[in-house]
Amino acid sequence: THQQKQVTIQNGKPVFYEPAELKAARAKLMAYLGQH
């Protein structure tokens, strides 16, 4: 789910990113939704 975004610290500031599982879920939904 969207709630599974991760955070890392770069140059003392939080940076949010999508882990591989979330990117795959997003890509899967986009592929199926794109057909409709």
All heavy atoms as atom14 arrays in JSON, in Angstrom:
{
  "sequence": "THQQKQVTIQNGKPVFYEPAELKAARAKLMAYLGQH",
  "atom14_mask": [
    [1, 1, 1, 1, 1, 1, 1, 0, 0, 0, 0, 0, 0, 0],
    [1, 1, 1, 1, 1, 1, 1, 1, 1, 1, 0, 0, 0, 0],
    [1, 1, 1, 1, 1, 1, 1, 1, 1, 0, 0, 0, 0, 0],
    [1, 1, 1, 1, 1, 1, 1, 1, 1, 0, 0, 0, 0, 0],
    [1, 1, 1, 1, 1, 1, 1, 1, 1, 0, 0, 0, 0, 0],
    [1, 1, 1, 1, 1, 1, 1, 1, 1, 0, 0, 0, 0, 0],
    [1, 1, 1, 1, 1, 1, 1, 0, 0, 0, 0, 0, 0, 0],
    [1, 1, 1, 1, 1, 1, 1, 0, 0, 0, 0, 0, 0, 0],
    [1, 1, 1, 1, 1, 1, 1, 1, 0, 0, 0, 0, 0, 0],
    [1, 1, 1, 1, 1, 1, 1, 1, 1, 0, 0, 0, 0, 0],
    [1, 1, 1, 1, 1, 1, 1, 1, 0, 0, 0, 0, 0, 0],
    [1, 1, 1, 1, 0, 0, 0, 0, 0, 0, 0, 0, 0, 0],
    [1, 1, 1, 1, 1, 1, 1, 1, 1, 0, 0, 0, 0, 0],
    [1, 1, 1, 1, 1, 1, 1, 0, 0, 0, 0, 0, 0, 0],
    [1, 1, 1, 1, 1, 1, 1, 0, 0, 0, 0, 0, 0, 0],
    [1, 1, 1, 1, 1, 1, 1, 1, 1, 1, 1, 0, 0, 0],
    [1, 1, 1, 1, 1, 1, 1, 1, 1, 1, 1, 1, 0, 0],
    [1, 1, 1, 1, 1, 1, 1, 1, 1, 0, 0, 0, 0, 0],
    [1, 1, 1, 1, 1, 1, 1, 0, 0, 0, 0, 0, 0, 0],
    [1, 1, 1, 1, 1, 0, 0, 0, 0, 0, 0, 0, 0, 0],
    [1, 1, 1, 1, 1, 1, 1, 1, 1, 0, 0, 0, 0, 0],
    [1, 1, 1, 1, 1, 1, 1, 1, 0, 0, 0, 0, 0, 0],
    [1, 1, 1, 1, 1, 1, 1, 1, 1, 0, 0, 0, 0, 0],
    [1, 1, 1, 1, 1, 0, 0, 0, 0, 0, 0, 0, 0, 0],
    [1, 1, 1, 1, 1, 0, 0, 0, 0, 0, 0, 0, 0, 0],
    [1, 1, 1, 1, 1, 1, 1, 1, 1, 1, 1, 0, 0, 0],
    [1, 1, 1, 1, 1, 0, 0, 0, 0, 0, 0, 0, 0, 0],
    [1, 1, 1, 1, 1, 1, 1, 1, 1, 0, 0, 0, 0, 0],
    [1, 1, 1, 1, 1, 1, 1, 1, 0, 0, 0, 0, 0, 0],
    [1, 1, 1, 1, 1, 1, 1, 1, 0, 0, 0, 0, 0, 0],
    [1, 1, 1, 1, 1, 0, 0, 0, 0, 0, 0, 0, 0, 0],
    [1, 1, 1, 1, 1, 1, 1, 1, 1, 1, 1, 1, 0, 0],
    [1, 1, 1, 1, 1, 1, 1, 1, 0, 0, 0, 0, 0, 0],
    [1, 1, 1, 1, 0, 0, 0, 0, 0, 0, 0, 0, 0, 0],
    [1, 1, 1, 1, 1, 1, 1, 1, 1, 0, 0, 0, 0, 0],
    [1, 1, 1, 1, 1, 1, 1, 1, 1, 1, 0, 0, 0, 0]
  ],
  "atom14_positions": [
    [[0.82, -1.21, 0.0], [0.0, 0.0, 0.0], [0.85, 1.26, 0.0], [2.06, 1.23, 0.24], [-0.93, 0.04, 1.23], [-0.13, 0.18, 2.4], [-1.78, -1.21, 1.32], [0.0, 0.0, 0.0], [0.0, 0.0, 0.0], [0.0, 0.0, 0.0], [0.0, 0.0, 0.0], [0.0, 0.0, 0.0], [0.0, 0.0, 0.0], [0.0, 0.0, 0.0]],
    [[0.18, 2.37, -0.26], [0.81, 3.68, -0.28], [1.5, 3.98, 1.05], [2.47, 4.73, 1.08], [-0.27, 4.74, -0.58], [0.26, 6.11, -0.79], [0.9, 6.47, -1.95], [0.27, 7.2, 0.01], [1.28, 7.73, -1.85], [0.9, 8.2, -0.69], [0.0, 0.0, 0.0], [0.0, 0.0, 0.0], [0.0, 0.0, 0.0], [0.0, 0.0, 0.0]],
    [[1.0, 3.41, 2.12], [1.56, 3.66, 3.45], [2.95, 3.07, 3.63], [3.61, 3.34, 4.61], [0.64, 3.08, 4.52], [-0.73, 3.73, 4.58], [-0.65, 5.21, 4.82], [-0.89, 6.0, 3.93], [-0.29, 5.61, 6.0], [0.0, 0.0, 0.0], [0.0, 0.0, 0.0], [0.0, 0.0, 0.0], [0.0, 0.0, 0.0], [0.0, 0.0, 0.0]],
    [[3.4, 2.28, 2.68], [4.69, 1.6, 2.84], [5.86, 2.37, 2.23], [6.91, 1.81, 1.98], [4.59, 0.18, 2.28], [3.65, -0.66, 3.14], [3.36, -2.02, 2.55], [3.14, -2.18, 1.36], [3.34, -3.02, 3.4], [0.0, 0.0, 0.0], [0.0, 0.0, 0.0], [0.0, 0.0, 0.0], [0.0, 0.0, 0.0], [0.0, 0.0, 0.0]],
    [[5.66, 3.67, 2.0], [6.78, 4.49, 1.56], [7.83, 4.47, 2.66], [7.53, 4.3, 3.83], [6.34, 5.93, 1.29], [5.63, 6.08, -0.03], [5.49, 7.53, -0.39], [4.9, 7.63, -1.78], [4.82, 9.02, -2.23], [0.0, 0.0, 0.0], [0.0, 0.0, 0.0], [0.0, 0.0, 0.0], [0.0, 0.0, 0.0], [0.0, 0.0, 0.0]],
    [[9.08, 4.65, 2.26], [10.2, 4.62, 3.2], [10.83, 6.01, 3.27], [10.62, 6.85, 2.4], [11.23, 3.6, 2.73], [10.7, 2.18, 2.62], [10.38, 1.58, 3.96], [11.17, 1.69, 4.91], [9.23, 0.96, 4.07], [0.0, 0.0, 0.0], [0.0, 0.0, 0.0], [0.0, 0.0, 0.0], [0.0, 0.0, 0.0], [0.0, 0.0, 0.0]],
    [[11.64, 6.21, 4.29], [12.35, 7.48, 4.45], [13.82, 7.18, 4.72], [14.16, 6.21, 5.39], [11.73, 8.34, 5.57], [11.87, 7.68, 6.93], [12.31, 9.73, 5.58], [0.0, 0.0, 0.0], [0.0, 0.0, 0.0], [0.0, 0.0, 0.0], [0.0, 0.0, 0.0], [0.0, 0.0, 0.0], [0.0, 0.0, 0.0], [0.0, 0.0, 0.0]],
    [[14.67, 8.01, 4.17], [16.1, 7.94, 4.44], [16.57, 9.37, 4.72], [15.87, 10.32, 4.39], [16.88, 7.31, 3.26], [18.24, 7.13, 3.63], [16.79, 8.17, 2.02], [0.0, 0.0, 0.0], [0.0, 0.0, 0.0], [0.0, 0.0, 0.0], [0.0, 0.0, 0.0], [0.0, 0.0, 0.0], [0.0, 0.0, 0.0], [0.0, 0.0, 0.0]],
    [[17.72, 9.5, 5.31], [18.26, 10.82, 5.6], [19.43, 11.09, 4.65], [20.36, 10.29, 4.57], [18.75, 10.93, 7.07], [17.63, 10.57, 8.06], [19.32, 12.31, 7.36], [16.44, 11.49, 8.01], [0.0, 0.0, 0.0], [0.0, 0.0, 0.0], [0.0, 0.0, 0.0], [0.0, 0.0, 0.0], [0.0, 0.0, 0.0], [0.0, 0.0, 0.0]],
    [[19.33, 12.2, 3.91], [20.41, 12.61, 3.02], [20.75, 14.06, 3.32], [19.87, 14.92, 3.3], [19.99, 12.45, 1.55], [19.83, 11.01, 1.13], [19.44, 10.87, -0.34], [19.2, 11.86, -1.04], [19.39, 9.65, -0.8], [0.0, 0.0, 0.0], [0.0, 0.0, 0.0], [0.0, 0.0, 0.0], [0.0, 0.0, 0.0], [0.0, 0.0, 0.0]],
    [[22.01, 14.3, 3.61], [22.46, 15.66, 3.97], [21.68, 16.22, 5.14], [21.31, 17.39, 5.16], [22.39, 16.61, 2.77], [23.25, 16.16, 1.62], [24.34, 15.64, 1.83], [22.76, 16.33, 0.41], [0.0, 0.0, 0.0], [0.0, 0.0, 0.0], [0.0, 0.0, 0.0], [0.0, 0.0, 0.0], [0.0, 0.0, 0.0], [0.0, 0.0, 0.0]],
    [[21.32, 15.35, 6.09], [20.61, 15.77, 7.28], [19.12, 16.03, 7.09], [18.45, 16.49, 8.0], [0.0, 0.0, 0.0], [0.0, 0.0, 0.0], [0.0, 0.0, 0.0], [0.0, 0.0, 0.0], [0.0, 0.0, 0.0], [0.0, 0.0, 0.0], [0.0, 0.0, 0.0], [0.0, 0.0, 0.0], [0.0, 0.0, 0.0], [0.0, 0.0, 0.0]],
    [[18.58, 15.71, 5.89], [17.16, 15.95, 5.63], [16.47, 14.65, 5.24], [17.05, 13.8, 4.55], [17.0, 16.97, 4.49], [17.52, 18.35, 4.84], [17.27, 19.32, 3.74], [17.8, 20.69, 4.13], [17.54, 21.66, 3.09], [0.0, 0.0, 0.0], [0.0, 0.0, 0.0], [0.0, 0.0, 0.0], [0.0, 0.0, 0.0], [0.0, 0.0, 0.0]],
    [[15.2, 14.48, 5.67], [14.48, 13.26, 5.3], [14.1, 13.28, 3.82], [13.66, 14.29, 3.29], [13.23, 13.3, 6.19], [13.04, 14.75, 6.52], [14.42, 15.36, 6.53], [0.0, 0.0, 0.0], [0.0, 0.0, 0.0], [0.0, 0.0, 0.0], [0.0, 0.0, 0.0], [0.0, 0.0, 0.0], [0.0, 0.0, 0.0], [0.0, 0.0, 0.0]],
    [[14.29, 12.14, 3.18], [13.92, 11.98, 1.77], [13.04, 10.73, 1.69], [13.45, 9.64, 2.1], [15.17, 11.81, 0.87], [14.75, 11.54, -0.57], [16.06, 13.03, 0.96], [0.0, 0.0, 0.0], [0.0, 0.0, 0.0], [0.0, 0.0, 0.0], [0.0, 0.0, 0.0], [0.0, 0.0, 0.0], [0.0, 0.0, 0.0], [0.0, 0.0, 0.0]],
    [[11.82, 10.89, 1.16], [10.89, 9.78, 1.05], [11.07, 9.1, -0.3], [11.32, 9.76, -1.31], [9.44, 10.26, 1.21], [9.15, 10.76, 2.6], [9.33, 12.09, 2.93], [8.7, 9.88, 3.57], [9.08, 12.54, 4.21], [8.43, 10.32, 4.85], [8.63, 11.66, 5.18], [0.0, 0.0, 0.0], [0.0, 0.0, 0.0], [0.0, 0.0, 0.0]],
    [[10.93, 7.77, -0.3], [11.06, 7.03, -1.55], [10.16, 5.8, -1.51], [9.71, 5.38, -0.45], [12.52, 6.62, -1.8], [13.05, 5.59, -0.82], [13.02, 4.23, -1.13], [13.56, 5.97, 0.42], [13.49, 3.28, -0.25], [14.03, 5.03, 1.31], [14.0, 3.69, 0.98], [14.47, 2.75, 1.86], [0.0, 0.0, 0.0], [0.0, 0.0, 0.0]],
    [[9.89, 5.25, -2.71], [9.08, 4.04, -2.81], [9.99, 2.83, -2.9], [10.84, 2.77, -3.78], [8.2, 4.09, -4.07], [7.08, 5.09, -4.0], [6.11, 4.98, -5.17], [6.41, 4.26, -6.15], [5.06, 5.62, -5.1], [0.0, 0.0, 0.0], [0.0, 0.0, 0.0], [0.0, 0.0, 0.0], [0.0, 0.0, 0.0], [0.0, 0.0, 0.0]],
    [[9.82, 1.87, -1.99], [10.6, 0.64, -2.1], [10.16, -0.15, -3.35], [9.11, 0.13, -3.95], [10.27, -0.12, -0.82], [9.01, 0.47, -0.32], [8.93, 1.87, -0.84], [0.0, 0.0, 0.0], [0.0, 0.0, 0.0], [0.0, 0.0, 0.0], [0.0, 0.0, 0.0], [0.0, 0.0, 0.0], [0.0, 0.0, 0.0], [0.0, 0.0, 0.0]],
    [[10.96, -1.13, -3.73], [10.71, -1.91, -4.95], [9.31, -2.53, -4.97], [8.65, -2.53, -6.01], [11.78, -2.99, -5.1], [0.0, 0.0, 0.0], [0.0, 0.0, 0.0], [0.0, 0.0, 0.0], [0.0, 0.0, 0.0], [0.0, 0.0, 0.0], [0.0, 0.0, 0.0], [0.0, 0.0, 0.0], [0.0, 0.0, 0.0], [0.0, 0.0, 0.0]],
    [[8.84, -3.05, -3.83], [7.5, -3.66, -3.77], [6.4, -2.67, -4.11], [5.45, -2.99, -4.83], [7.23, -4.23, -2.38], [7.95, -5.51, -2.06], [7.6, -6.01, -0.65], [6.96, -5.27, 0.12], [7.99, -7.15, -0.35], [0.0, 0.0, 0.0], [0.0, 0.0, 0.0], [0.0, 0.0, 0.0], [0.0, 0.0, 0.0], [0.0, 0.0, 0.0]],
    [[6.52, -1.45, -3.61], [5.52, -0.42, -3.88], [5.57, 0.02, -5.34], [4.54, 0.2, -5.98], [5.7, 0.77, -2.94], [4.72, 1.94, -3.07], [3.28, 1.47, -2.99], [5.0, 2.98, -2.01], [0.0, 0.0, 0.0], [0.0, 0.0, 0.0], [0.0, 0.0, 0.0], [0.0, 0.0, 0.0], [0.0, 0.0, 0.0], [0.0, 0.0, 0.0]],
    [[6.77, 0.15, -5.89], [6.91, 0.5, -7.31], [6.27, -0.58, -8.18], [5.59, -0.27, -9.17], [8.38, 0.65, -7.68], [8.99, 1.95, -7.22], [10.43, 2.05, -7.67], [11.05, 3.33, -7.17], [12.47, 3.46, -7.53], [0.0, 0.0, 0.0], [0.0, 0.0, 0.0], [0.0, 0.0, 0.0], [0.0, 0.0, 0.0], [0.0, 0.0, 0.0]],
    [[6.47, -1.85, -7.82], [5.89, -2.96, -8.59], [4.37, -2.94, -8.5], [3.68, -3.15, -9.5], [6.45, -4.29, -8.1], [0.0, 0.0, 0.0], [0.0, 0.0, 0.0], [0.0, 0.0, 0.0], [0.0, 0.0, 0.0], [0.0, 0.0, 0.0], [0.0, 0.0, 0.0], [0.0, 0.0, 0.0], [0.0, 0.0, 0.0], [0.0, 0.0, 0.0]],
    [[3.83, -2.68, -7.31], [2.37, -2.62, -7.13], [1.79, -1.47, -7.95], [0.76, -1.62, -8.62], [2.02, -2.45, -5.65], [0.0, 0.0, 0.0], [0.0, 0.0, 0.0], [0.0, 0.0, 0.0], [0.0, 0.0, 0.0], [0.0, 0.0, 0.0], [0.0, 0.0, 0.0], [0.0, 0.0, 0.0], [0.0, 0.0, 0.0], [0.0, 0.0, 0.0]],
    [[2.45, -0.33, -7.93], [1.99, 0.83, -8.71], [2.02, 0.5, -10.21], [1.06, 0.78, -10.93], [2.86, 2.05, -8.42], [2.41, 3.31, -9.13], [3.31, 4.5, -8.81], [3.34, 4.82, -7.4], [2.42, 5.54, -6.77], [1.38, 6.01, -7.43], [2.54, 5.79, -5.48], [0.0, 0.0, 0.0], [0.0, 0.0, 0.0], [0.0, 0.0, 0.0]],
    [[3.09, -0.11, -10.67], [3.22, -0.46, -12.1], [2.13, -1.46, -12.51], [1.54, -1.34, -13.59], [4.61, -1.02, -12.38], [0.0, 0.0, 0.0], [0.0, 0.0, 0.0], [0.0, 0.0, 0.0], [0.0, 0.0, 0.0], [0.0, 0.0, 0.0], [0.0, 0.0, 0.0], [0.0, 0.0, 0.0], [0.0, 0.0, 0.0], [0.0, 0.0, 0.0]],
    [[1.85, -2.43, -11.65], [0.82, -3.43, -11.95], [-0.55, -2.76, -12.08], [-1.28, -2.99, -13.05], [0.79, -4.49, -10.85], [-0.23, -5.59, -11.06], [-0.12, -6.63, -9.94], [-1.04, -7.81, -10.17], [-0.89, -8.85, -9.15], [0.0, 0.0, 0.0], [0.0, 0.0, 0.0], [0.0, 0.0, 0.0], [0.0, 0.0, 0.0], [0.0, 0.0, 0.0]],
    [[-0.89, -1.92, -11.11], [-2.18, -1.22, -11.15], [-2.28, -0.32, -12.38], [-3.31, -0.29, -13.06], [-2.4, -0.41, -9.88], [-2.8, -1.2, -8.64], [-2.81, -0.3, -7.41], [-4.16, -1.86, -8.82], [0.0, 0.0, 0.0], [0.0, 0.0, 0.0], [0.0, 0.0, 0.0], [0.0, 0.0, 0.0], [0.0, 0.0, 0.0], [0.0, 0.0, 0.0]],
    [[-1.21, 0.4, -12.68], [-1.22, 1.3, -13.84], [-1.44, 0.52, -15.13], [-2.2, 0.96, -16.0], [0.1, 2.08, -13.92], [0.32, 3.05, -12.77], [-0.74, 4.48, -12.79], [-0.07, 5.35, -14.18], [0.0, 0.0, 0.0], [0.0, 0.0, 0.0], [0.0, 0.0, 0.0], [0.0, 0.0, 0.0], [0.0, 0.0, 0.0], [0.0, 0.0, 0.0]],
    [[-0.81, -0.64, -15.26], [-0.95, -1.45, -16.47], [-2.39, -1.92, -16.65], [-2.95, -1.85, -17.75], [0.0, -2.64, -16.42], [0.0, 0.0, 0.0], [0.0, 0.0, 0.0], [0.0, 0.0, 0.0], [0.0, 0.0, 0.0], [0.0, 0.0, 0.0], [0.0, 0.0, 0.0], [0.0, 0.0, 0.0], [0.0, 0.0, 0.0], [0.0, 0.0, 0.0]],
    [[-3.01, -2.4, -15.58], [-4.39, -2.87, -15.66], [-5.37, -1.72, -15.83], [-6.3, -1.79, -16.64], [-4.76, -3.69, -14.42], [-4.27, -5.12, -14.48], [-2.99, -5.46, -14.06], [-5.09, -6.14, -14.94], [-2.54, -6.76, -14.11], [-4.65, -7.46, -14.99], [-3.37, -7.77, -14.57], [-2.93, -9.06, -14.63], [0.0, 0.0, 0.0], [0.0, 0.0, 0.0]],
    [[-5.18, -0.65, -15.06], [-6.09, 0.5, -15.14], [-6.0, 1.19, -16.5], [-7.0, 1.7, -17.01], [-5.77, 1.52, -14.04], [-6.16, 1.11, -12.62], [-5.49, 2.02, -11.6], [-7.67, 1.11, -12.46], [0.0, 0.0, 0.0], [0.0, 0.0, 0.0], [0.0, 0.0, 0.0], [0.0, 0.0, 0.0], [0.0, 0.0, 0.0], [0.0, 0.0, 0.0]],
    [[-4.83, 1.19, -17.09], [-4.63, 1.83, -18.39], [-5.52, 1.26, -19.49], [-5.79, 1.94, -20.48], [0.0, 0.0, 0.0], [0.0, 0.0, 0.0], [0.0, 0.0, 0.0], [0.0, 0.0, 0.0], [0.0, 0.0, 0.0], [0.0, 0.0, 0.0], [0.0, 0.0, 0.0], [0.0, 0.0, 0.0], [0.0, 0.0, 0.0], [0.0, 0.0, 0.0]],
    [[-6.0, 0.06, -19.31], [-6.85, -0.59, -20.3], [-8.31, -0.13, -20.24], [-9.11, -0.47, -21.11], [-6.8, -2.12, -20.11], [-5.42, -2.71, -20.25], [-5.4, -4.18, -19.86], [-6.34, -4.91, -20.13], [-4.34, -4.6, -19.2], [0.0, 0.0, 0.0], [0.0, 0.0, 0.0], [0.0, 0.0, 0.0], [0.0, 0.0, 0.0], [0.0, 0.0, 0.0]],
    [[-8.67, 0.63, -19.2], [-10.08, 0.98, -18.97], [-10.32, 2.48, -18.82], [-11.39, 2.88, -18.35], [-10.59, 0.25, -17.73], [-10.43, -1.23, -17.79], [-11.27, -2.05, -18.5], [-9.48, -2.04, -17.24], [-10.88, -3.3, -18.39], [-9.8, -3.32, -17.63], [0.0, 0.0, 0.0], [0.0, 0.0, 0.0], [0.0, 0.0, 0.0], [0.0, 0.0, 0.0]]
  ]
}
